[in-house]
Protein backbone atom coordinates (compact mmCIF):
# COMPACT_ATOMS: atom_id res chain seq x y z
CA MET A 1 25.34 -60.26 -80.89
CA ILE A 2 26.39 -63.15 -78.53
CA THR A 3 24.20 -63.42 -75.51
CA ILE A 4 24.70 -65.09 -72.50
CA LYS A 5 22.38 -67.83 -73.28
CA ASP A 6 24.89 -68.48 -76.25
CA VAL A 7 27.40 -68.94 -73.80
CA ALA A 8 25.59 -71.35 -71.19
CA ARG A 9 24.58 -73.57 -74.69
CA GLU A 10 28.40 -73.98 -76.09
CA ALA A 11 29.16 -74.53 -72.12
CA GLN A 12 26.56 -77.31 -71.83
CA VAL A 13 25.39 -75.43 -68.09
CA SER A 14 22.55 -72.84 -67.25
CA ILE A 15 22.38 -69.46 -67.65
CA ALA A 16 22.43 -68.91 -63.73
CA THR A 17 25.85 -70.95 -63.87
CA VAL A 18 27.37 -68.66 -66.46
CA SER A 19 25.94 -65.85 -64.54
CA ARG A 20 28.04 -67.26 -61.35
CA VAL A 21 30.79 -67.30 -63.12
CA LEU A 22 30.50 -64.00 -64.41
CA ASN A 23 30.27 -62.83 -61.34
CA ALA A 24 32.96 -64.59 -59.54
CA TYR A 25 30.90 -66.48 -57.20
CA PRO A 26 33.11 -69.20 -55.13
CA HIS A 27 30.59 -71.94 -55.40
CA VAL A 28 31.09 -73.19 -58.88
CA ARG A 29 33.23 -76.47 -59.45
CA PRO A 30 36.63 -75.51 -61.10
CA GLU A 31 36.07 -77.89 -64.05
CA VAL A 32 32.59 -75.74 -64.59
CA ARG A 33 34.28 -72.48 -64.57
CA GLU A 34 36.89 -73.53 -66.90
CA ARG A 35 34.37 -74.60 -69.16
CA VAL A 36 32.27 -71.56 -69.06
CA GLN A 37 35.20 -69.37 -69.35
CA LYS A 38 36.57 -71.08 -72.56
CA ALA A 39 33.08 -70.74 -74.04
CA ILE A 40 33.11 -67.04 -73.41
CA ALA A 41 36.52 -66.72 -74.80
CA GLU A 42 35.71 -68.74 -77.93
CA LEU A 43 32.56 -66.67 -78.43
CA GLY A 44 33.95 -63.47 -77.61
CA TYR A 45 31.50 -63.13 -75.03
CA SER A 46 30.84 -59.55 -73.78
CA PRO A 47 28.06 -58.54 -70.88
CA ASN A 48 25.90 -56.14 -72.12
CA ARG A 49 26.08 -53.07 -70.08
CA LEU A 50 22.79 -51.83 -70.35
CA ALA A 51 20.83 -54.82 -69.83
CA THR A 52 23.08 -55.19 -66.47
CA SER A 53 21.93 -51.56 -65.55
CA PHE A 54 18.20 -52.66 -65.50
CA ARG A 55 18.40 -55.65 -64.04
CA THR A 56 20.68 -53.97 -60.92
CA GLN A 57 18.98 -50.89 -60.75
CA GLN A 58 22.41 -48.94 -61.20
CA SER A 59 23.45 -47.13 -63.90
CA ARG A 60 27.02 -46.63 -62.91
CA VAL A 61 26.59 -43.10 -64.19
CA VAL A 62 28.05 -40.43 -61.97
CA GLY A 63 26.71 -36.43 -63.05
CA VAL A 64 29.28 -34.19 -62.49
CA PHE A 65 28.46 -30.50 -62.80
CA LEU A 66 30.50 -28.01 -63.25
CA ARG A 67 30.68 -24.07 -63.20
CA GLN A 68 33.19 -24.01 -66.48
CA GLN A 69 35.06 -26.00 -68.31
CA ARG A 70 37.07 -23.22 -70.43
CA THR A 71 39.95 -22.65 -67.75
CA PRO A 72 43.12 -24.48 -67.55
CA PHE A 73 42.38 -25.80 -63.79
CA SER A 74 38.57 -26.51 -64.65
CA SER A 75 39.64 -28.91 -67.43
CA ALA A 76 42.51 -30.30 -65.15
CA LEU A 77 39.84 -30.96 -62.67
CA ALA A 78 37.09 -32.40 -64.70
CA TYR A 79 39.55 -34.64 -66.27
CA ALA A 80 40.90 -35.87 -62.70
CA ILE A 81 37.14 -36.20 -61.84
CA GLU A 82 36.19 -38.19 -64.91
CA SER A 83 39.81 -40.36 -64.71
CA ALA A 84 38.91 -41.28 -60.95
CA ILE A 85 35.32 -41.97 -61.55
CA PHE A 86 36.62 -44.26 -64.34
CA GLU A 87 38.80 -46.49 -62.18
CA ALA A 88 35.92 -46.85 -59.74
CA GLY A 89 34.13 -48.58 -62.62
CA TYR A 90 31.67 -45.98 -63.47
CA ARG A 91 30.61 -43.35 -66.04
CA ALA A 92 30.66 -39.47 -65.81
CA LEU A 93 28.23 -37.19 -67.27
CA LEU A 94 30.08 -33.88 -67.44
CA CYS A 95 27.73 -31.12 -67.66
CA SER A 96 28.89 -27.40 -68.03
CA THR A 97 26.60 -25.57 -66.18
CA ASN A 98 28.30 -22.05 -66.78
CA GLY A 99 26.68 -21.19 -62.70
CA ASP A 100 23.38 -20.92 -64.36
CA PRO A 101 20.98 -22.43 -61.92
CA ASP A 102 18.15 -22.97 -64.80
CA ARG A 103 20.72 -24.87 -66.62
CA GLU A 104 22.00 -27.07 -63.50
CA GLU A 105 17.91 -27.59 -63.06
CA THR A 106 17.62 -28.71 -66.64
CA TYR A 107 20.86 -31.49 -66.14
CA VAL A 108 19.06 -32.50 -63.36
CA GLU A 109 15.42 -32.97 -64.70
CA SER A 110 16.89 -34.63 -67.53
CA MET A 111 18.75 -37.16 -65.30
CA ILE A 112 15.66 -37.66 -62.87
CA GLU A 113 13.73 -38.48 -66.38
CA LEU A 114 16.23 -40.92 -67.74
CA ARG A 115 16.38 -43.09 -64.08
CA ARG A 116 12.47 -43.14 -64.35
CA ARG A 117 12.32 -44.11 -68.01
CA ARG A 118 15.10 -46.66 -67.29
CA CYS A 119 12.82 -48.15 -63.83
CA HIS A 120 9.90 -48.00 -65.74
CA SER A 121 10.94 -50.05 -68.86
CA PRO A 122 8.40 -52.64 -70.57
CA HIS A 123 10.07 -55.13 -69.03
CA GLY A 124 8.86 -54.04 -65.49
CA ILE A 125 12.12 -53.88 -63.86
CA GLY A 126 11.10 -51.67 -60.82
CA SER A 127 10.34 -48.73 -59.41
CA PRO A 128 12.49 -45.99 -59.48
CA ASN A 129 14.19 -44.27 -56.17
CA ARG A 130 13.73 -40.96 -55.61
CA ALA A 131 17.00 -38.66 -55.94
CA ALA A 132 18.31 -38.05 -52.94
CA ARG A 133 18.63 -34.30 -52.33
CA GLY A 134 20.95 -32.86 -49.22
CA PRO A 135 22.57 -29.39 -48.74
CA ALA A 136 25.61 -28.44 -50.18
CA PRO A 137 28.49 -25.73 -48.87
CA GLY A 138 26.52 -22.61 -50.05
CA GLY A 139 23.04 -23.49 -49.79
CA ARG A 140 23.36 -25.15 -53.39
CA ASN A 141 21.13 -28.87 -53.60
CA LEU A 142 23.40 -32.15 -54.41
CA TYR A 143 21.59 -34.77 -56.29
CA SER A 144 22.49 -38.31 -55.93
CA LEU A 145 20.98 -40.72 -58.71
CA CYS A 146 21.48 -44.44 -57.96
């Protein structure tokens, strides 16, 4: 697996410079940017999304709770939601709750646990944010995990 260190070595720049090129920072000299982009292409480098999520504290995963996915309408709705989320640069975790509050709670607890584990990695990445809960129509709770 090619790493950012490999790209930096190939382009004869620092890891920070490779990061600046990858994140489209404007203050990189054009000739340096070209060298880094050439190294990326030659090596076939692709950023590790898991490592990025550890560093940024953002999984870019959105939990979507659906009562059911057995009808043509709910299937079309799930597809439209997932497509919009994907186009926005996020990934969807679709959860079919069948209207069962216990099942909803289990999914939410699982997401919170995944968030907690990710934030308490052995690499000391940081501390978890609490899930933001707010009242939804009908008195249900909405959960937002960064």
